[in-house]
PDB file of N, CA and C in Angstrom:
ATOM      1  N   UNK A   1       4.640  14.558  14.713  1.00  0.00           N
ATOM      2  CA  UNK A   1       3.981  13.190  14.579  1.00  0.00           C
ATOM      3  C   UNK A   1       2.692  13.604  13.878  1.00  0.00           C
ATOM      4  N   UNK A   2       2.218  12.826  12.809  1.00  0.00           N
ATOM      5  CA  UNK A   2       1.155  13.010  11.978  1.00  0.00           C
ATOM      6  C   UNK A   2       0.113  12.258  12.724  1.00  0.00           C
ATOM      7  N   UNK A   3      -1.064  12.849  13.074  1.00  0.00           N
ATOM      8  CA  UNK A   3      -2.247  12.229  13.636  1.00  0.00           C
ATOM      9  C   UNK A   3      -3.391  12.331  12.713  1.00  0.00           C
ATOM     10  N   UNK A   4      -3.158  12.260  11.443  1.00  0.00           N
ATOM     11  CA  UNK A   4      -4.327  12.181  10.412  1.00  0.00           C
ATOM     12  C   UNK A   4      -4.981  10.845  10.465  1.00  0.00           C
ATOM     13  N   UNK A   5      -6.317  10.938   9.993  1.00  0.00           N
ATOM     14  CA  UNK A   5      -6.950   9.689  10.055  1.00  0.00           C
ATOM     15  C   UNK A   5      -6.978   9.135   8.526  1.00  0.00           C
ATOM     16  N   UNK A   6      -7.119   7.796   8.521  1.00  0.00           N
ATOM     17  CA  UNK A   6      -7.134   7.042   7.176  1.00  0.00           C
ATOM     18  C   UNK A   6      -8.565   6.594   7.062  1.00  0.00           C
ATOM     19  N   UNK A   7      -9.328   7.088   6.092  1.00  0.00           N
ATOM     20  CA  UNK A   7     -10.556   6.543   5.764  1.00  0.00           C
ATOM     21  C   UNK A   7     -10.622   5.061   5.364  1.00  0.00           C
ATOM     22  N   UNK A   8     -11.606   4.376   5.786  1.00  0.00           N
ATOM     23  CA  UNK A   8     -11.708   2.950   5.464  1.00  0.00           C
ATOM     24  C   UNK A   8     -13.222   2.743   5.164  1.00  0.00           C
ATOM     25  N   UNK A   9     -13.484   2.172   4.028  1.00  0.00           N
ATOM     26  CA  UNK A   9     -14.886   1.882   3.707  1.00  0.00           C
ATOM     27  C   UNK A   9     -15.438   0.679   4.583  1.00  0.00           C
ATOM     28  N   UNK A  10     -16.636   0.837   5.107  1.00  0.00           N
ATOM     29  CA  UNK A  10     -17.135   0.056   5.897  1.00  0.00           C
ATOM     30  C   UNK A  10     -17.489  -1.552   5.208  1.00  0.00           C
ATOM     31  N   UNK A  11     -17.750  -1.332   4.041  1.00  0.00           N
ATOM     32  CA  UNK A  11     -17.953  -2.709   3.318  1.00  0.00           C
ATOM     33  C   UNK A  11     -16.881  -3.669   3.231  1.00  0.00           C
ATOM     34  N   UNK A  12     -15.536  -3.115   3.677  1.00  0.00           N
ATOM     35  CA  UNK A  12     -14.560  -3.914   3.637  1.00  0.00           C
ATOM     36  C   UNK A  12     -14.501  -4.948   4.785  1.00  0.00           C
ATOM     37  N   UNK A  13     -15.338  -4.796   5.773  1.00  0.00           N
ATOM     38  CA  UNK A  13     -15.389  -5.736   6.823  1.00  0.00           C
ATOM     39  C   UNK A  13     -15.937  -6.933   6.340  1.00  0.00           C
ATOM     40  N   UNK A  14     -16.571  -7.005   5.316  1.00  0.00           N
ATOM     41  CA  UNK A  14     -17.289  -8.296   4.759  1.00  0.00           C
ATOM     42  C   UNK A  14     -16.465  -8.824   3.521  1.00  0.00           C
ATOM     43  N   UNK A  15     -15.368  -8.237   3.302  1.00  0.00           N
ATOM     44  CA  UNK A  15     -14.454  -8.858   2.221  1.00  0.00           C
ATOM     45  C   UNK A  15     -13.668 -10.043   2.835  1.00  0.00           C
ATOM     46  N   UNK A  16     -14.167 -11.097   2.620  1.00  0.00           N
ATOM     47  CA  UNK A  16     -13.438 -12.309   3.155  1.00  0.00           C
ATOM     48  C   UNK A  16     -12.030 -12.545   2.619  1.00  0.00           C
ATOM     49  N   UNK A  17     -11.681 -12.431   1.456  1.00  0.00           N
ATOM     50  CA  UNK A  17     -10.355 -12.631   0.892  1.00  0.00           C
ATOM     51  C   UNK A  17      -9.386 -11.693   1.474  1.00  0.00           C
ATOM     52  N   UNK A  18      -9.719 -10.515   1.862  1.00  0.00           N
ATOM     53  CA  UNK A  18      -8.730  -9.575   2.541  1.00  0.00           C
ATOM     54  C   UNK A  18      -8.413 -10.129   3.743  1.00  0.00           C
ATOM     55  N   UNK A  19      -9.069 -10.800   4.581  1.00  0.00           N
ATOM     56  CA  UNK A  19      -8.749 -11.338   5.936  1.00  0.00           C
ATOM     57  C   UNK A  19      -8.262 -12.834   5.772  1.00  0.00           C
ATOM     58  N   UNK A  20      -8.181 -13.254   4.676  1.00  0.00           N
ATOM     59  CA  UNK A  20      -7.818 -14.744   4.647  1.00  0.00           C
ATOM     60  C   UNK A  20      -6.348 -15.038   5.125  1.00  0.00           C
ATOM     61  N   UNK A  21      -5.427 -14.038   4.968  1.00  0.00           N
ATOM     62  CA  UNK A  21      -4.073 -14.288   5.357  1.00  0.00           C
ATOM     63  C   UNK A  21      -3.798 -12.875   6.071  1.00  0.00           C
ATOM     64  N   UNK A  22      -2.990 -13.001   7.202  1.00  0.00           N
ATOM     65  CA  UNK A  22      -2.519 -11.729   7.879  1.00  0.00           C
ATOM     66  C   UNK A  22      -1.696 -10.859   7.106  1.00  0.00           C
ATOM     67  N   UNK A  23      -0.870 -11.614   6.210  1.00  0.00           N
ATOM     68  CA  UNK A  23      -0.058 -10.718   5.452  1.00  0.00           C
ATOM     69  C   UNK A  23      -0.754  -9.829   4.460  1.00  0.00           C
ATOM     70  N   UNK A  24      -1.945 -10.375   3.981  1.00  0.00           N
ATOM     71  CA  UNK A  24      -2.692  -9.530   3.240  1.00  0.00           C
ATOM     72  C   UNK A  24      -3.283  -8.325   3.857  1.00  0.00           C
ATOM     73  N   UNK A  25      -3.596  -8.435   5.046  1.00  0.00           N
ATOM     74  CA  UNK A  25      -4.211  -7.210   5.920  1.00  0.00           C
ATOM     75  C   UNK A  25      -2.961  -6.501   6.033  1.00  0.00           C
ATOM     76  N   UNK A  26      -1.677  -6.950   6.586  1.00  0.00           N
ATOM     77  CA  UNK A  26      -0.706  -6.027   6.734  1.00  0.00           C
ATOM     78  C   UNK A  26      -0.184  -5.314   5.315  1.00  0.00           C
ATOM     79  N   UNK A  27      -0.288  -5.948   4.166  1.00  0.00           N
ATOM     80  CA  UNK A  27       0.081  -5.119   3.037  1.00  0.00           C
ATOM     81  C   UNK A  27      -0.993  -4.099   2.804  1.00  0.00           C
ATOM     82  N   UNK A  28      -2.144  -4.262   2.880  1.00  0.00           N
ATOM     83  CA  UNK A  28      -3.307  -3.354   2.830  1.00  0.00           C
ATOM     84  C   UNK A  28      -2.995  -2.204   3.704  1.00  0.00           C
ATOM     85  N   UNK A  29      -2.759  -2.432   5.017  1.00  0.00           N
ATOM     86  CA  UNK A  29      -2.511  -1.287   5.916  1.00  0.00           C
ATOM     87  C   UNK A  29      -1.192  -0.606   5.598  1.00  0.00           C
ATOM     88  N   UNK A  30      -0.196  -1.301   5.101  1.00  0.00           N
ATOM     89  CA  UNK A  30       1.147  -0.617   4.764  1.00  0.00           C
ATOM     90  C   UNK A  30       0.795   0.217   3.388  1.00  0.00           C
ATOM     91  N   UNK A  31      -0.035  -0.172   2.620  1.00  0.00           N
ATOM     92  CA  UNK A  31      -0.284   0.771   1.389  1.00  0.00           C
ATOM     93  C   UNK A  31      -1.091   1.948   1.934  1.00  0.00           C
ATOM     94  N   UNK A  32      -2.023   1.868   2.828  1.00  0.00           N
ATOM     95  CA  UNK A  32      -2.763   2.882   3.373  1.00  0.00           C
ATOM     96  C   UNK A  32      -1.869   3.863   4.069  1.00  0.00           C
ATOM     97  N   UNK A  33      -0.969   3.316   4.785  1.00  0.00           N
ATOM     98  CA  UNK A  33       0.108   4.310   5.457  1.00  0.00           C
ATOM     99  C   UNK A  33       1.011   4.978   4.518  1.00  0.00           C
ATOM    100  N   UNK A  34       1.216   4.437   3.228  1.00  0.00           N
ATOM    101  CA  UNK A  34       2.281   4.965   2.338  1.00  0.00           C
ATOM    102  C   UNK A  34       1.400   5.941   1.416  1.00  0.00           C
ATOM    103  N   UNK A  35       0.205   5.886   1.319  1.00  0.00           N
ATOM    104  CA  UNK A  35      -0.596   6.631   0.408  1.00  0.00           C
ATOM    105  C   UNK A  35      -0.261   8.137   0.562  1.00  0.00           C
ATOM    106  N   UNK A  36      -0.039   8.831  -0.583  1.00  0.00           N
ATOM    107  CA  UNK A  36       0.284  10.286  -0.439  1.00  0.00           C
ATOM    108  C   UNK A  36      -0.906  11.123  -0.037  1.00  0.00           C
ATOM    109  N   UNK A  37      -0.738  11.907   0.806  1.00  0.00           N
ATOM    110  CA  UNK A  37      -1.893  12.717   1.353  1.00  0.00           C
ATOM    111  C   UNK A  37      -1.977  14.113   0.616  1.00  0.00           C
ATOM    112  N   UNK A  38      -0.866  14.501   0.100  1.00  0.00           N
ATOM    113  CA  UNK A  38      -0.929  15.854  -0.677  1.00  0.00           C
ATOM    114  C   UNK A  38      -0.139  15.763  -1.857  1.00  0.00           C
ATOM    115  N   UNK A  39      -0.331  16.684  -2.901  1.00  0.00           N
ATOM    116  CA  UNK A  39       0.621  16.562  -4.062  1.00  0.00           C
ATOM    117  C   UNK A  39       2.127  16.899  -3.618  1.00  0.00           C
ATOM    118  N   UNK A  40       2.968  16.231  -4.324  1.00  0.00           N
ATOM    119  CA  UNK A  40       4.379  16.352  -3.925  1.00  0.00           C
ATOM    120  C   UNK A  40       5.148  15.635  -5.016  1.00  0.00           C
ATOM    121  N   UNK A  41       6.502  15.831  -4.989  1.00  0.00           N
ATOM    122  CA  UNK A  41       7.436  15.190  -5.984  1.00  0.00           C
ATOM    123  C   UNK A  41       8.148  14.011  -5.351  1.00  0.00           C
ATOM    124  N   UNK A  42       8.598  13.052  -6.165  1.00  0.00           N
ATOM    125  CA  UNK A  42       9.385  11.954  -5.687  1.00  0.00           C
ATOM    126  C   UNK A  42      10.611  11.605  -6.472  1.00  0.00           C
ATOM    127  N   UNK A  43      11.836  11.503  -6.065  1.00  0.00           N
ATOM    128  CA  UNK A  43      12.725  11.198  -7.088  1.00  0.00           C
ATOM    129  C   UNK A  43      12.965   9.775  -7.313  1.00  0.00           C
ATOM    130  N   UNK A  44      12.938   9.434  -8.487  1.00  0.00           N
ATOM    131  CA  UNK A  44      13.195   7.846  -8.865  1.00  0.00           C
ATOM    132  C   UNK A  44      14.211   7.855 -10.058  1.00  0.00           C
ATOM    133  N   UNK A  45      15.388   7.174  -9.782  1.00  0.00           N
ATOM    134  CA  UNK A  45      16.420   6.865 -10.761  1.00  0.00           C
ATOM    135  C   UNK A  45      16.758   8.119 -11.508  1.00  0.00           C
ATOM    136  N   UNK A  46      17.027   9.049 -10.804  1.00  0.00           N
ATOM    137  CA  UNK A  46      17.607  10.370 -11.363  1.00  0.00           C
ATOM    138  C   UNK A  46      16.570  11.350 -11.871  1.00  0.00           C
ATOM    139  N   UNK A  47      15.414  11.016 -11.917  1.00  0.00           N
ATOM    140  CA  UNK A  47      14.321  11.793 -12.367  1.00  0.00           C
ATOM    141  C   UNK A  47      13.333  12.237 -11.254  1.00  0.00           C
ATOM    142  N   UNK A  48      12.488  13.195 -11.446  1.00  0.00           N
ATOM    143  CA  UNK A  48      11.541  13.446 -10.380  1.00  0.00           C
ATOM    144  C   UNK A  48      10.142  13.302 -10.896  1.00  0.00           C
ATOM    145  N   UNK A  49       9.300  12.625 -10.320  1.00  0.00           N
ATOM    146  CA  UNK A  49       7.863  12.470 -10.759  1.00  0.00           C
ATOM    147  C   UNK A  49       7.008  13.179  -9.754  1.00  0.00           C
ATOM    148  N   UNK A  50       5.664  13.520 -10.372  1.00  0.00           N
ATOM    149  CA  UNK A  50       4.720  14.018  -9.455  1.00  0.00           C
ATOM    150  C   UNK A  50       3.881  13.094  -8.904  1.00  0.00           C
ATOM    151  N   UNK A  51       3.654  13.160  -7.554  1.00  0.00           N
ATOM    152  CA  UNK A  51       2.723  12.246  -6.880  1.00  0.00           C
ATOM    153  C   UNK A  51       1.568  12.976  -6.392  1.00  0.00           C
ATOM    154  N   UNK A  52       0.403  12.398  -6.785  1.00  0.00           N
ATOM    155  CA  UNK A  52      -0.968  13.048  -6.426  1.00  0.00           C
ATOM    156  C   UNK A  52      -1.472  12.507  -5.232  1.00  0.00           C
ATOM    157  N   UNK A  53      -2.365  13.190  -4.544  1.00  0.00           N
ATOM    158  CA  UNK A  53      -3.003  12.491  -3.488  1.00  0.00           C
ATOM    159  C   UNK A  53      -3.762  11.153  -3.819  1.00  0.00           C
ATOM    160  N   UNK A  54      -3.659  10.160  -3.045  1.00  0.00           N
ATOM    161  CA  UNK A  54      -4.055   8.851  -3.153  1.00  0.00           C
ATOM    162  C   UNK A  54      -3.314   7.944  -3.906  1.00  0.00           C
ATOM    163  N   UNK A  55      -2.059   8.450  -4.498  1.00  0.00           N
ATOM    164  CA  UNK A  55      -1.013   7.494  -4.991  1.00  0.00           C
ATOM    165  C   UNK A  55       0.011   7.189  -4.013  1.00  0.00           C
ATOM    166  N   UNK A  56       0.733   6.243  -4.341  1.00  0.00           N
ATOM    167  CA  UNK A  56       2.028   5.910  -3.526  1.00  0.00           C
ATOM    168  C   UNK A  56       2.969   5.155  -4.378  1.00  0.00           C
ATOM    169  N   UNK A  57       4.311   5.346  -3.984  1.00  0.00           N
ATOM    170  CA  UNK A  57       5.381   4.922  -4.538  1.00  0.00           C
ATOM    171  C   UNK A  57       6.108   3.912  -3.478  1.00  0.00           C
ATOM    172  N   UNK A  58       6.269   2.708  -4.013  1.00  0.00           N
ATOM    173  CA  UNK A  58       6.892   1.740  -3.072  1.00  0.00           C
ATOM    174  C   UNK A  58       7.323   0.523  -3.995  1.00  0.00           C
ATOM    175  N   UNK A  59       8.493  -0.027  -3.814  1.00  0.00           N
ATOM    176  CA  UNK A  59       8.863  -1.151  -4.468  1.00  0.00           C
ATOM    177  C   UNK A  59       8.325  -2.493  -3.880  1.00  0.00           C
ATOM    178  N   UNK A  60       8.130  -3.397  -4.550  1.00  0.00           N
ATOM    179  CA  UNK A  60       7.585  -4.722  -4.102  1.00  0.00           C
ATOM    180  C   UNK A  60       8.656  -5.241  -3.067  1.00  0.00           C
ATOM    181  N   UNK A  61      10.006  -4.929  -3.182  1.00  0.00           N
ATOM    182  CA  UNK A  61      10.942  -5.411  -2.143  1.00  0.00           C
ATOM    183  C   UNK A  61      10.767  -4.503  -0.812  1.00  0.00           C
ATOM    184  N   UNK A  62      10.541  -3.346  -0.886  1.00  0.00           N
ATOM    185  CA  UNK A  62      10.307  -2.666   0.310  1.00  0.00           C
ATOM    186  C   UNK A  62       9.005  -3.063   1.023  1.00  0.00           C
ATOM    187  N   UNK A  63       7.978  -3.071   0.167  1.00  0.00           N
ATOM    188  CA  UNK A  63       6.669  -3.639   0.922  1.00  0.00           C
ATOM    189  C   UNK A  63       6.891  -5.106   1.390  1.00  0.00           C
ATOM    190  N   UNK A  64       7.606  -5.918   0.706  1.00  0.00           N
ATOM    191  CA  UNK A  64       7.860  -7.335   1.215  1.00  0.00           C
ATOM    192  C   UNK A  64       8.634  -7.162   2.507  1.00  0.00           C
ATOM    193  N   UNK A  65       9.602  -6.525   2.555  1.00  0.00           N
ATOM    194  CA  UNK A  65      10.382  -6.281   3.910  1.00  0.00           C
ATOM    195  C   UNK A  65       9.395  -5.830   5.095  1.00  0.00           C
ATOM    196  N   UNK A  66       8.478  -4.863   4.712  1.00  0.00           N
ATOM    197  CA  UNK A  66       7.547  -4.389   5.767  1.00  0.00           C
ATOM    198  C   UNK A  66       6.745  -5.255   6.267  1.00  0.00           C
ATOM    199  N   UNK A  67       6.196  -6.245   5.470  1.00  0.00           N
ATOM    200  CA  UNK A  67       5.095  -7.318   6.005  1.00  0.00           C
ATOM    201  C   UNK A  67       5.691  -8.588   6.261  1.00  0.00           C
ATOM    202  N   UNK A  68       7.038  -8.690   5.899  1.00  0.00           N
ATOM    203  CA  UNK A  68       7.697 -10.088   6.277  1.00  0.00           C
ATOM    204  C   UNK A  68       7.320 -11.216   5.269  1.00  0.00           C
ATOM    205  N   UNK A  69       7.324 -10.799   4.005  1.00  0.00           N
ATOM    206  CA  UNK A  69       7.031 -11.761   2.935  1.00  0.00           C
ATOM    207  C   UNK A  69       7.964 -11.605   1.713  1.00  0.00           C
ATOM    208  N   UNK A  70       7.912 -12.485   0.887  1.00  0.00           N
ATOM    209  CA  UNK A  70       8.852 -12.299  -0.227  1.00  0.00           C
ATOM    210  C   UNK A  70       8.183 -11.470  -1.292  1.00  0.00           C
ATOM    211  N   UNK A  71       8.999 -10.812  -2.221  1.00  0.00           N
ATOM    212  CA  UNK A  71       8.552 -10.027  -3.202  1.00  0.00           C
ATOM    213  C   UNK A  71       7.376 -10.660  -4.290  1.00  0.00           C
ATOM    214  N   UNK A  72       7.515 -11.980  -4.406  1.00  0.00           N
ATOM    215  CA  UNK A  72       6.608 -12.609  -5.425  1.00  0.00           C
ATOM    216  C   UNK A  72       5.314 -12.708  -4.635  1.00  0.00           C
ATOM    217  N   UNK A  73       5.149 -12.864  -3.354  1.00  0.00           N
ATOM    218  CA  UNK A  73       3.908 -12.870  -2.670  1.00  0.00           C
ATOM    219  C   UNK A  73       3.280 -11.459  -2.641  1.00  0.00           C
ATOM    220  N   UNK A  74       4.150 -10.418  -2.509  1.00  0.00           N
ATOM    221  CA  UNK A  74       3.521  -9.118  -2.593  1.00  0.00           C
ATOM    222  C   UNK A  74       3.072  -8.776  -3.993  1.00  0.00           C
ATOM    223  N   UNK A  75       3.641  -9.250  -4.949  1.00  0.00           N
ATOM    224  CA  UNK A  75       3.234  -9.106  -6.377  1.00  0.00           C
ATOM    225  C   UNK A  75       1.979  -9.680  -6.598  1.00  0.00           C
ATOM    226  N   UNK A  76       1.732 -10.889  -6.071  1.00  0.00           N
ATOM    227  CA  UNK A  76       0.527 -11.602  -6.120  1.00  0.00           C
ATOM    228  C   UNK A  76      -0.637 -10.823  -5.442  1.00  0.00           C
ATOM    229  N   UNK A  77      -0.361 -10.546  -4.210  1.00  0.00           N
ATOM    230  CA  UNK A  77      -1.368  -9.701  -3.470  1.00  0.00           C
ATOM    231  C   UNK A  77      -1.758  -8.395  -4.042  1.00  0.00           C
ATOM    232  N   UNK A  78      -0.780  -7.761  -4.694  1.00  0.00           N
ATOM    233  CA  UNK A  78      -1.117  -6.592  -5.272  1.00  0.00           C
ATOM    234  C   UNK A  78      -1.997  -6.782  -6.562  1.00  0.00           C
ATOM    235  N   UNK A  79      -1.784  -7.810  -7.261  1.00  0.00           N
ATOM    236  CA  UNK A  79      -2.717  -8.088  -8.315  1.00  0.00           C
ATOM    237  C   UNK A  79      -4.055  -8.386  -7.807  1.00  0.00           C
ATOM    238  N   UNK A  80      -4.180  -9.007  -6.599  1.00  0.00           N
ATOM    239  CA  UNK A  80      -5.605  -9.274  -6.036  1.00  0.00           C
ATOM    240  C   UNK A  80      -6.307  -7.914  -5.555  1.00  0.00           C
ATOM    241  N   UNK A  81      -5.469  -7.051  -4.977  1.00  0.00           N
ATOM    242  CA  UNK A  81      -5.902  -5.824  -4.490  1.00  0.00           C
ATOM    243  C   UNK A  81      -6.284  -4.830  -5.677  1.00  0.00           C
ATOM    244  N   UNK A  82      -5.706  -4.942  -6.757  1.00  0.00           N
ATOM    245  CA  UNK A  82      -6.076  -4.148  -7.947  1.00  0.00           C
ATOM    246  C   UNK A  82      -7.528  -4.368  -8.448  1.00  0.00           C
ATOM    247  N   UNK A  83      -8.015  -5.556  -8.210  1.00  0.00           N
ATOM    248  CA  UNK A  83      -9.410  -5.952  -8.644  1.00  0.00           C
ATOM    249  C   UNK A  83     -10.260  -5.133  -7.998  1.00  0.00           C
TER     250      UNK A  83
END
């Protein structure tokens, strides 16, 4: 069992759009849980890519299944989180 901590910036408590929908919070947490903690490789479509700490690999379909939303909603939320 991995008992590592996930750092969260305190100013995020005051970001209203993050908490406007529960699925947005669930997506944010899912991304935090999937973030790579150390350098590693990841197989994608027959090739291997290097994943560095702080990056993550997940399809919108897998993220959508994890938070109970459709992939278009996840895509829209990811665009918001990129800002």
